[in-house]
């Protein structure tokens, strides 16, 4: 019986690695989607993650056009936020995960880098599929203790209008 329980546990861990960045997110838990650019000109202005006592990501909020989204994920956690400058967009995301997301690094078109959390587990990287695209939303799943999986949506950067 113990052997069977160990196999189930190890199978669950192995399955949790699949889909951390998959566009086909599935799994046990609650899903979320932080909508970013829904209208032309919409832009992510800030992202706030909530970290638990062991460094696990518990929740997320995204600020678009001076409006914070609802908090997705679990209650609690210490907030850690980064704010983008006017005209600045996220162009690459990387981080570390095991059963939980433990670290996120976001790079911008202006050369700034933000890191939240500690590098624990397996590394992942996400970049837009085309040149000129920027982060527009984050999808994911969270379970009883943390955010377990995330994927990233990309859209072309809003065009600057001149008058």
Foldseek 3Di string as FASTA:
>chain_A
DVVVVVVVVVVVQVVLVPFQADPPDDDPFDKDKAFFPPDFPKAWFKKKFFADPVQFTAWIWTDIPNDIDDIPGDPHGDIDMDGDDVVKFWFKWKAAAGQGTRKIWTAIPVGDIDIGGDHDHDMDMDGDPDPQKGWGMKMFGYHDPHTRHIHTDIDHHRDDDDD
